[in-house]
């Protein structure tokens, strides 16, 4: 019997899309964190642009961390669901 080629756009693992989303969100959070680390430490006489950039990066990091947590929860739920299906079959 001849097997049809697999469509590369359809994930083989049912959780693969969630894993890619988690990896993307982790990279985003790491990027914002690294950018914050590279900024000069806050000081009373700091340039207003630097303070605004720090506030913006902090806000972006907070949103990225929330998204990462959500993606992590979804990925874990998917993995548990499919692990239970494999063991229960």
PDB file of N, CA and C in Angstrom:
ATOM      1  N   UNK A   1       0.849  -1.181   0.000  1.00  0.00           N
ATOM      2  CA  UNK A   1       0.000   0.000   0.000  1.00  0.00           C
ATOM      3  C   UNK A   1       0.893   1.243   0.000  1.00  0.00           C
ATOM      4  N   UNK A   2       0.578   2.205  -0.815  1.00  0.00           N
ATOM      5  CA  UNK A   2       1.368   3.431  -0.950  1.00  0.00           C
ATOM      6  C   UNK A   2       0.888   4.472   0.057  1.00  0.00           C
ATOM      7  N   UNK A   3       1.828   5.039   0.784  1.00  0.00           N
ATOM      8  CA  UNK A   3       1.492   6.040   1.801  1.00  0.00           C
ATOM      9  C   UNK A   3       1.577   7.436   1.198  1.00  0.00           C
ATOM     10  N   UNK A   4       0.585   8.276   1.485  1.00  0.00           N
ATOM     11  CA  UNK A   4       0.594   9.652   0.992  1.00  0.00           C
ATOM     12  C   UNK A   4       1.603  10.472   1.781  1.00  0.00           C
ATOM     13  N   UNK A   5       2.286  11.406   1.102  1.00  0.00           N
ATOM     14  CA  UNK A   5       3.231  12.252   1.841  1.00  0.00           C
ATOM     15  C   UNK A   5       2.490  13.096   2.878  1.00  0.00           C
ATOM     16  N   UNK A   6       3.142  13.295   4.007  1.00  0.00           N
ATOM     17  CA  UNK A   6       2.554  14.076   5.095  1.00  0.00           C
ATOM     18  C   UNK A   6       2.665  15.565   4.785  1.00  0.00           C
ATOM     19  N   UNK A   7       1.592  16.299   5.041  1.00  0.00           N
ATOM     20  CA  UNK A   7       1.598  17.756   4.869  1.00  0.00           C
ATOM     21  C   UNK A   7       2.470  18.350   5.968  1.00  0.00           C
ATOM     22  N   UNK A   8       3.551  19.083   5.619  1.00  0.00           N
ATOM     23  CA  UNK A   8       4.448  19.624   6.647  1.00  0.00           C
ATOM     24  C   UNK A   8       3.804  20.703   7.509  1.00  0.00           C
ATOM     25  N   UNK A   9       2.674  21.236   7.070  1.00  0.00           N
ATOM     26  CA  UNK A   9       1.992  22.288   7.836  1.00  0.00           C
ATOM     27  C   UNK A   9       1.074  21.721   8.912  1.00  0.00           C
ATOM     28  N   UNK A  10       0.832  20.416   8.850  1.00  0.00           N
ATOM     29  CA  UNK A  10      -0.001  19.763   9.865  1.00  0.00           C
ATOM     30  C   UNK A  10       0.934  19.104  10.869  1.00  0.00           C
ATOM     31  N   UNK A  11       0.913  19.553  12.135  1.00  0.00           N
ATOM     32  CA  UNK A  11       1.837  18.990  13.117  1.00  0.00           C
ATOM     33  C   UNK A  11       1.562  17.514  13.372  1.00  0.00           C
ATOM     34  N   UNK A  12       2.644  16.747  13.514  1.00  0.00           N
ATOM     35  CA  UNK A  12       2.524  15.323  13.822  1.00  0.00           C
ATOM     36  C   UNK A  12       2.088  15.150  15.275  1.00  0.00           C
ATOM     37  N   UNK A  13       2.668  15.934  16.153  1.00  0.00           N
ATOM     38  CA  UNK A  13       2.331  15.902  17.576  1.00  0.00           C
ATOM     39  C   UNK A  13       1.189  16.897  17.805  1.00  0.00           C
ATOM     40  N   UNK A  14       0.120  16.477  18.466  1.00  0.00           N
ATOM     41  CA  UNK A  14      -1.011  17.384  18.671  1.00  0.00           C
ATOM     42  C   UNK A  14      -0.660  18.624  19.504  1.00  0.00           C
ATOM     43  N   UNK A  15       0.426  18.571  20.262  1.00  0.00           N
ATOM     44  CA  UNK A  15       0.820  19.705  21.099  1.00  0.00           C
ATOM     45  C   UNK A  15       1.926  20.549  20.462  1.00  0.00           C
ATOM     46  N   UNK A  16       2.336  20.213  19.250  1.00  0.00           N
ATOM     47  CA  UNK A  16       3.467  20.895  18.605  1.00  0.00           C
ATOM     48  C   UNK A  16       3.221  22.396  18.423  1.00  0.00           C
ATOM     49  N   UNK A  17       2.020  22.756  18.009  1.00  0.00           N
ATOM     50  CA  UNK A  17       1.701  24.182  17.815  1.00  0.00           C
ATOM     51  C   UNK A  17       1.824  24.927  19.140  1.00  0.00           C
ATOM     52  N   UNK A  18       1.351  24.312  20.216  1.00  0.00           N
ATOM     53  CA  UNK A  18       1.443  24.946  21.532  1.00  0.00           C
ATOM     54  C   UNK A  18       2.893  25.056  21.991  1.00  0.00           C
ATOM     55  N   UNK A  19       3.707  24.058  21.662  1.00  0.00           N
ATOM     56  CA  UNK A  19       5.122  24.109  22.007  1.00  0.00           C
ATOM     57  C   UNK A  19       5.812  25.248  21.261  1.00  0.00           C
ATOM     58  N   UNK A  20       5.513  25.409  19.975  1.00  0.00           N
ATOM     59  CA  UNK A  20       6.105  26.514  19.200  1.00  0.00           C
ATOM     60  C   UNK A  20       5.672  27.864  19.761  1.00  0.00           C
ATOM     61  N   UNK A  21       4.407  27.976  20.159  1.00  0.00           N
ATOM     62  CA  UNK A  21       3.908  29.218  20.751  1.00  0.00           C
ATOM     63  C   UNK A  21       4.630  29.503  22.072  1.00  0.00           C
ATOM     64  N   UNK A  22       4.812  28.463  22.893  1.00  0.00           N
ATOM     65  CA  UNK A  22       5.519  28.618  24.161  1.00  0.00           C
ATOM     66  C   UNK A  22       6.960  29.064  23.921  1.00  0.00           C
ATOM     67  N   UNK A  23       7.634  28.452  22.942  1.00  0.00           N
ATOM     68  CA  UNK A  23       9.022  28.823  22.634  1.00  0.00           C
ATOM     69  C   UNK A  23       9.114  30.279  22.173  1.00  0.00           C
ATOM     70  N   UNK A  24       8.179  30.699  21.329  1.00  0.00           N
ATOM     71  CA  UNK A  24       8.158  32.085  20.853  1.00  0.00           C
ATOM     72  C   UNK A  24       7.973  33.047  22.025  1.00  0.00           C
ATOM     73  N   UNK A  25       7.017  32.740  22.882  1.00  0.00           N
ATOM     74  CA  UNK A  25       6.746  33.629  24.026  1.00  0.00           C
ATOM     75  C   UNK A  25       7.920  33.661  25.009  1.00  0.00           C
ATOM     76  N   UNK A  26       8.589  32.539  25.191  1.00  0.00           N
ATOM     77  CA  UNK A  26       9.759  32.499  26.056  1.00  0.00           C
ATOM     78  C   UNK A  26      10.870  33.386  25.484  1.00  0.00           C
ATOM     79  N   UNK A  27      11.073  33.317  24.173  1.00  0.00           N
ATOM     80  CA  UNK A  27      12.087  34.153  23.534  1.00  0.00           C
ATOM     81  C   UNK A  27      11.750  35.632  23.663  1.00  0.00           C
ATOM     82  N   UNK A  28      10.480  35.971  23.546  1.00  0.00           N
ATOM     83  CA  UNK A  28      10.060  37.370  23.698  1.00  0.00           C
ATOM     84  C   UNK A  28      10.372  37.857  25.111  1.00  0.00           C
ATOM     85  N   UNK A  29       9.993  37.082  26.114  1.00  0.00           N
ATOM     86  CA  UNK A  29      10.242  37.475  27.506  1.00  0.00           C
ATOM     87  C   UNK A  29      11.747  37.607  27.757  1.00  0.00           C
ATOM     88  N   UNK A  30      12.536  36.679  27.240  1.00  0.00           N
ATOM     89  CA  UNK A  30      13.985  36.751  27.422  1.00  0.00           C
ATOM     90  C   UNK A  30      14.561  37.999  26.750  1.00  0.00           C
ATOM     91  N   UNK A  31      14.040  38.356  25.602  1.00  0.00           N
ATOM     92  CA  UNK A  31      14.525  39.550  24.894  1.00  0.00           C
ATOM     93  C   UNK A  31      14.272  40.811  25.706  1.00  0.00           C
ATOM     94  N   UNK A  32      13.059  40.952  26.237  1.00  0.00           N
ATOM     95  CA  UNK A  32      12.745  42.136  27.047  1.00  0.00           C
ATOM     96  C   UNK A  32      13.582  42.156  28.321  1.00  0.00           C
ATOM     97  N   UNK A  33      13.771  40.986  28.933  1.00  0.00           N
ATOM     98  CA  UNK A  33      14.570  40.912  30.146  1.00  0.00           C
ATOM     99  C   UNK A  33      16.016  41.322  29.868  1.00  0.00           C
ATOM    100  N   UNK A  34      16.589  40.791  28.777  1.00  0.00           N
ATOM    101  CA  UNK A  34      17.963  41.154  28.413  1.00  0.00           C
ATOM    102  C   UNK A  34      18.090  42.647  28.140  1.00  0.00           C
ATOM    103  N   UNK A  35      17.103  43.217  27.473  1.00  0.00           N
ATOM    104  CA  UNK A  35      17.144  44.653  27.185  1.00  0.00           C
ATOM    105  C   UNK A  35      17.135  45.459  28.479  1.00  0.00           C
ATOM    106  N   UNK A  36      16.337  45.023  29.451  1.00  0.00           N
ATOM    107  CA  UNK A  36      16.309  45.719  30.747  1.00  0.00           C
ATOM    108  C   UNK A  36      17.647  45.601  31.466  1.00  0.00           C
ATOM    109  N   UNK A  37      18.256  44.442  31.398  1.00  0.00           N
ATOM    110  CA  UNK A  37      19.552  44.226  32.057  1.00  0.00           C
ATOM    111  C   UNK A  37      20.615  45.152  31.451  1.00  0.00           C
ATOM    112  N   UNK A  38      20.542  45.374  30.146  1.00  0.00           N
ATOM    113  CA  UNK A  38      21.558  46.173  29.465  1.00  0.00           C
ATOM    114  C   UNK A  38      21.397  47.678  29.690  1.00  0.00           C
ATOM    115  N   UNK A  39      20.226  48.098  30.153  1.00  0.00           N
ATOM    116  CA  UNK A  39      20.030  49.526  30.440  1.00  0.00           C
ATOM    117  C   UNK A  39      20.843  49.936  31.662  1.00  0.00           C
ATOM    118  N   UNK A  40      21.207  51.195  31.706  1.00  0.00           N
ATOM    119  CA  UNK A  40      21.872  51.715  32.901  1.00  0.00           C
ATOM    120  C   UNK A  40      20.922  51.581  34.089  1.00  0.00           C
ATOM    121  N   UNK A  41      21.454  51.324  35.283  1.00  0.00           N
ATOM    122  CA  UNK A  41      20.578  51.226  36.461  1.00  0.00           C
ATOM    123  C   UNK A  41      19.831  52.545  36.680  1.00  0.00           C
ATOM    124  N   UNK A  42      18.616  52.466  37.212  1.00  0.00           N
ATOM    125  CA  UNK A  42      17.863  53.699  37.452  1.00  0.00           C
ATOM    126  C   UNK A  42      18.584  54.583  38.470  1.00  0.00           C
ATOM    127  N   UNK A  43      18.532  55.873  38.232  1.00  0.00           N
ATOM    128  CA  UNK A  43      19.140  56.827  39.156  1.00  0.00           C
ATOM    129  C   UNK A  43      18.281  58.081  39.195  1.00  0.00           C
ATOM    130  N   UNK A  44      18.366  58.867  40.272  1.00  0.00           N
ATOM    131  CA  UNK A  44      17.526  60.063  40.401  1.00  0.00           C
ATOM    132  C   UNK A  44      17.698  61.065  39.253  1.00  0.00           C
ATOM    133  N   UNK A  45      18.907  61.228  38.730  1.00  0.00           N
ATOM    134  CA  UNK A  45      19.130  62.205  37.665  1.00  0.00           C
ATOM    135  C   UNK A  45      19.083  61.598  36.277  1.00  0.00           C
ATOM    136  N   UNK A  46      18.468  60.429  36.161  1.00  0.00           N
ATOM    137  CA  UNK A  46      18.457  59.727  34.881  1.00  0.00           C
ATOM    138  C   UNK A  46      17.652  60.487  33.828  1.00  0.00           C
ATOM    139  N   UNK A  47      18.126  60.379  32.613  1.00  0.00           N
ATOM    140  CA  UNK A  47      17.479  60.977  31.455  1.00  0.00           C
ATOM    141  C   UNK A  47      16.011  60.510  31.385  1.00  0.00           C
ATOM    142  N   UNK A  48      15.070  61.429  31.158  1.00  0.00           N
ATOM    143  CA  UNK A  48      13.653  61.033  31.069  1.00  0.00           C
ATOM    144  C   UNK A  48      13.384  59.986  29.982  1.00  0.00           C
ATOM    145  N   UNK A  49      14.141  60.031  28.902  1.00  0.00           N
ATOM    146  CA  UNK A  49      13.953  59.018  27.850  1.00  0.00           C
ATOM    147  C   UNK A  49      14.335  57.629  28.352  1.00  0.00           C
ATOM    148  N   UNK A  50      15.401  57.562  29.146  1.00  0.00           N
ATOM    149  CA  UNK A  50      15.824  56.285  29.724  1.00  0.00           C
ATOM    150  C   UNK A  50      14.759  55.748  30.685  1.00  0.00           C
ATOM    151  N   UNK A  51      14.200  56.641  31.499  1.00  0.00           N
ATOM    152  CA  UNK A  51      13.141  56.220  32.434  1.00  0.00           C
ATOM    153  C   UNK A  51      11.928  55.712  31.676  1.00  0.00           C
ATOM    154  N   UNK A  52      11.570  56.418  30.608  1.00  0.00           N
ATOM    155  CA  UNK A  52      10.408  56.006  29.807  1.00  0.00           C
ATOM    156  C   UNK A  52      10.680  54.668  29.119  1.00  0.00           C
ATOM    157  N   UNK A  53      11.885  54.491  28.613  1.00  0.00           N
ATOM    158  CA  UNK A  53      12.243  53.222  27.985  1.00  0.00           C
ATOM    159  C   UNK A  53      12.175  52.084  29.000  1.00  0.00           C
ATOM    160  N   UNK A  54      12.664  52.316  30.214  1.00  0.00           N
ATOM    161  CA  UNK A  54      12.615  51.296  31.265  1.00  0.00           C
ATOM    162  C   UNK A  54      11.164  50.943  31.603  1.00  0.00           C
ATOM    163  N   UNK A  55      10.310  51.964  31.730  1.00  0.00           N
ATOM    164  CA  UNK A  55       8.886  51.712  32.020  1.00  0.00           C
ATOM    165  C   UNK A  55       8.241  50.898  30.901  1.00  0.00           C
ATOM    166  N   UNK A  56       8.553  51.277  29.657  1.00  0.00           N
ATOM    167  CA  UNK A  56       7.985  50.567  28.509  1.00  0.00           C
ATOM    168  C   UNK A  56       8.449  49.105  28.487  1.00  0.00           C
ATOM    169  N   UNK A  57       9.743  48.890  28.694  1.00  0.00           N
ATOM    170  CA  UNK A  57      10.254  47.517  28.706  1.00  0.00           C
ATOM    171  C   UNK A  57       9.683  46.704  29.866  1.00  0.00           C
ATOM    172  N   UNK A  58       9.522  47.324  31.022  1.00  0.00           N
ATOM    173  CA  UNK A  58       8.905  46.627  32.161  1.00  0.00           C
ATOM    174  C   UNK A  58       7.480  46.208  31.830  1.00  0.00           C
ATOM    175  N   UNK A  59       6.730  47.109  31.199  1.00  0.00           N
ATOM    176  CA  UNK A  59       5.346  46.791  30.828  1.00  0.00           C
ATOM    177  C   UNK A  59       5.320  45.655  29.806  1.00  0.00           C
ATOM    178  N   UNK A  60       6.204  45.729  28.818  1.00  0.00           N
ATOM    179  CA  UNK A  60       6.256  44.688  27.795  1.00  0.00           C
ATOM    180  C   UNK A  60       6.672  43.338  28.400  1.00  0.00           C
ATOM    181  N   UNK A  61       7.621  43.369  29.324  1.00  0.00           N
ATOM    182  CA  UNK A  61       8.049  42.138  29.985  1.00  0.00           C
ATOM    183  C   UNK A  61       6.897  41.542  30.791  1.00  0.00           C
ATOM    184  N   UNK A  62       6.143  42.376  31.481  1.00  0.00           N
ATOM    185  CA  UNK A  62       5.002  41.875  32.264  1.00  0.00           C
ATOM    186  C   UNK A  62       3.982  41.177  31.361  1.00  0.00           C
ATOM    187  N   UNK A  63       3.664  41.792  30.238  1.00  0.00           N
ATOM    188  CA  UNK A  63       2.707  41.191  29.296  1.00  0.00           C
ATOM    189  C   UNK A  63       3.285  39.896  28.721  1.00  0.00           C
ATOM    190  N   UNK A  64       4.575  39.913  28.378  1.00  0.00           N
ATOM    191  CA  UNK A  64       5.212  38.715  27.818  1.00  0.00           C
ATOM    192  C   UNK A  64       5.207  37.571  28.829  1.00  0.00           C
ATOM    193  N   UNK A  65       5.451  37.882  30.107  1.00  0.00           N
ATOM    194  CA  UNK A  65       5.445  36.838  31.135  1.00  0.00           C
ATOM    195  C   UNK A  65       4.047  36.264  31.351  1.00  0.00           C
ATOM    196  N   UNK A  66       3.038  37.117  31.282  1.00  0.00           N
ATOM    197  CA  UNK A  66       1.665  36.609  31.386  1.00  0.00           C
ATOM    198  C   UNK A  66       1.336  35.691  30.213  1.00  0.00           C
ATOM    199  N   UNK A  67       1.742  36.093  29.014  1.00  0.00           N
ATOM    200  CA  UNK A  67       1.515  35.258  27.834  1.00  0.00           C
ATOM    201  C   UNK A  67       2.266  33.948  27.921  1.00  0.00           C
ATOM    202  N   UNK A  68       3.493  33.998  28.449  1.00  0.00           N
ATOM    203  CA  UNK A  68       4.291  32.783  28.615  1.00  0.00           C
ATOM    204  C   UNK A  68       3.627  31.846  29.609  1.00  0.00           C
ATOM    205  N   UNK A  69       3.117  32.383  30.694  1.00  0.00           N
ATOM    206  CA  UNK A  69       2.432  31.546  31.693  1.00  0.00           C
ATOM    207  C   UNK A  69       1.194  30.881  31.087  1.00  0.00           C
ATOM    208  N   UNK A  70       0.438  31.649  30.315  1.00  0.00           N
ATOM    209  CA  UNK A  70      -0.759  31.106  29.666  1.00  0.00           C
ATOM    210  C   UNK A  70      -0.374  30.001  28.677  1.00  0.00           C
ATOM    211  N   UNK A  71       0.660  30.255  27.862  1.00  0.00           N
ATOM    212  CA  UNK A  71       1.111  29.256  26.889  1.00  0.00           C
ATOM    213  C   UNK A  71       1.622  28.005  27.608  1.00  0.00           C
ATOM    214  N   UNK A  72       2.312  28.194  28.722  1.00  0.00           N
ATOM    215  CA  UNK A  72       2.816  27.071  29.496  1.00  0.00           C
ATOM    216  C   UNK A  72       1.663  26.230  30.046  1.00  0.00           C
ATOM    217  N   UNK A  73       0.652  26.892  30.575  1.00  0.00           N
ATOM    218  CA  UNK A  73      -0.522  26.172  31.095  1.00  0.00           C
ATOM    219  C   UNK A  73      -1.207  25.376  29.990  1.00  0.00           C
ATOM    220  N   UNK A  74      -1.366  25.980  28.811  1.00  0.00           N
ATOM    221  CA  UNK A  74      -2.017  25.290  27.694  1.00  0.00           C
ATOM    222  C   UNK A  74      -1.192  24.085  27.248  1.00  0.00           C
ATOM    223  N   UNK A  75       0.116  24.265  27.157  1.00  0.00           N
ATOM    224  CA  UNK A  75       0.994  23.178  26.730  1.00  0.00           C
ATOM    225  C   UNK A  75       0.952  22.027  27.727  1.00  0.00           C
ATOM    226  N   UNK A  76       1.012  22.337  29.015  1.00  0.00           N
ATOM    227  CA  UNK A  76       0.961  21.284  30.031  1.00  0.00           C
ATOM    228  C   UNK A  76      -0.365  20.531  29.984  1.00  0.00           C
ATOM    229  N   UNK A  77      -1.454  21.259  29.790  1.00  0.00           N
ATOM    230  CA  UNK A  77      -2.765  20.612  29.711  1.00  0.00           C
ATOM    231  C   UNK A  77      -2.840  19.690  28.499  1.00  0.00           C
ATOM    232  N   UNK A  78      -2.314  20.140  27.378  1.00  0.00           N
ATOM    233  CA  UNK A  78      -2.306  19.322  26.165  1.00  0.00           C
ATOM    234  C   UNK A  78      -1.474  18.064  26.375  1.00  0.00           C
ATOM    235  N   UNK A  79      -0.297  18.235  26.966  1.00  0.00           N
ATOM    236  CA  UNK A  79       0.566  17.077  27.203  1.00  0.00           C
ATOM    237  C   UNK A  79      -0.076  16.077  28.159  1.00  0.00           C
ATOM    238  N   UNK A  80      -0.729  16.574  29.211  1.00  0.00           N
ATOM    239  CA  UNK A  80      -1.417  15.670  30.152  1.00  0.00           C
ATOM    240  C   UNK A  80      -2.547  14.930  29.446  1.00  0.00           C
ATOM    241  N   UNK A  81      -3.314  15.663  28.651  1.00  0.00           N
ATOM    242  CA  UNK A  81      -4.456  15.067  27.954  1.00  0.00           C
ATOM    243  C   UNK A  81      -3.994  13.964  27.001  1.00  0.00           C
ATOM    244  N   UNK A  82      -2.947  14.223  26.237  1.00  0.00           N
ATOM    245  CA  UNK A  82      -2.503  13.237  25.277  1.00  0.00           C
ATOM    246  C   UNK A  82      -1.709  12.108  25.919  1.00  0.00           C
ATOM    247  N   UNK A  83      -1.056  12.374  27.047  1.00  0.00           N
ATOM    248  CA  UNK A  83      -0.378  11.315  27.778  1.00  0.00           C
ATOM    249  C   UNK A  83      -1.413  10.351  28.368  1.00  0.00           C
ATOM    250  N   UNK A  84      -2.507  10.900  28.879  1.00  0.00           N
ATOM    251  CA  UNK A  84      -3.574  10.072  29.443  1.00  0.00           C
ATOM    252  C   UNK A  84      -4.225   9.233  28.342  1.00  0.00           C
ATOM    253  N   UNK A  85      -4.377   9.831  27.148  1.00  0.00           N
ATOM    254  CA  UNK A  85      -4.970   9.096  26.023  1.00  0.00           C
ATOM    255  C   UNK A  85      -4.084   7.958  25.557  1.00  0.00           C
ATOM    256  N   UNK A  86      -2.758   8.142  25.598  1.00  0.00           N
ATOM    257  CA  UNK A  86      -1.830   7.087  25.186  1.00  0.00           C
ATOM    258  C   UNK A  86      -1.814   5.952  26.207  1.00  0.00           C
ATOM    259  N   UNK A  87      -1.886   6.317  27.488  1.00  0.00           N
ATOM    260  CA  UNK A  87      -1.820   5.280  28.534  1.00  0.00           C
ATOM    261  C   UNK A  87      -3.158   4.572  28.710  1.00  0.00           C
ATOM    262  N   UNK A  88      -4.241   5.276  28.369  1.00  0.00           N
ATOM    263  CA  UNK A  88      -5.562   4.680  28.539  1.00  0.00           C
ATOM    264  C   UNK A  88      -5.982   3.833  27.360  1.00  0.00           C
ATOM    265  N   UNK A  89      -5.275   3.943  26.254  1.00  0.00           N
ATOM    266  CA  UNK A  89      -5.664   3.211  25.039  1.00  0.00           C
ATOM    267  C   UNK A  89      -5.225   1.773  25.065  1.00  0.00           C
TER     268      UNK A  89
END
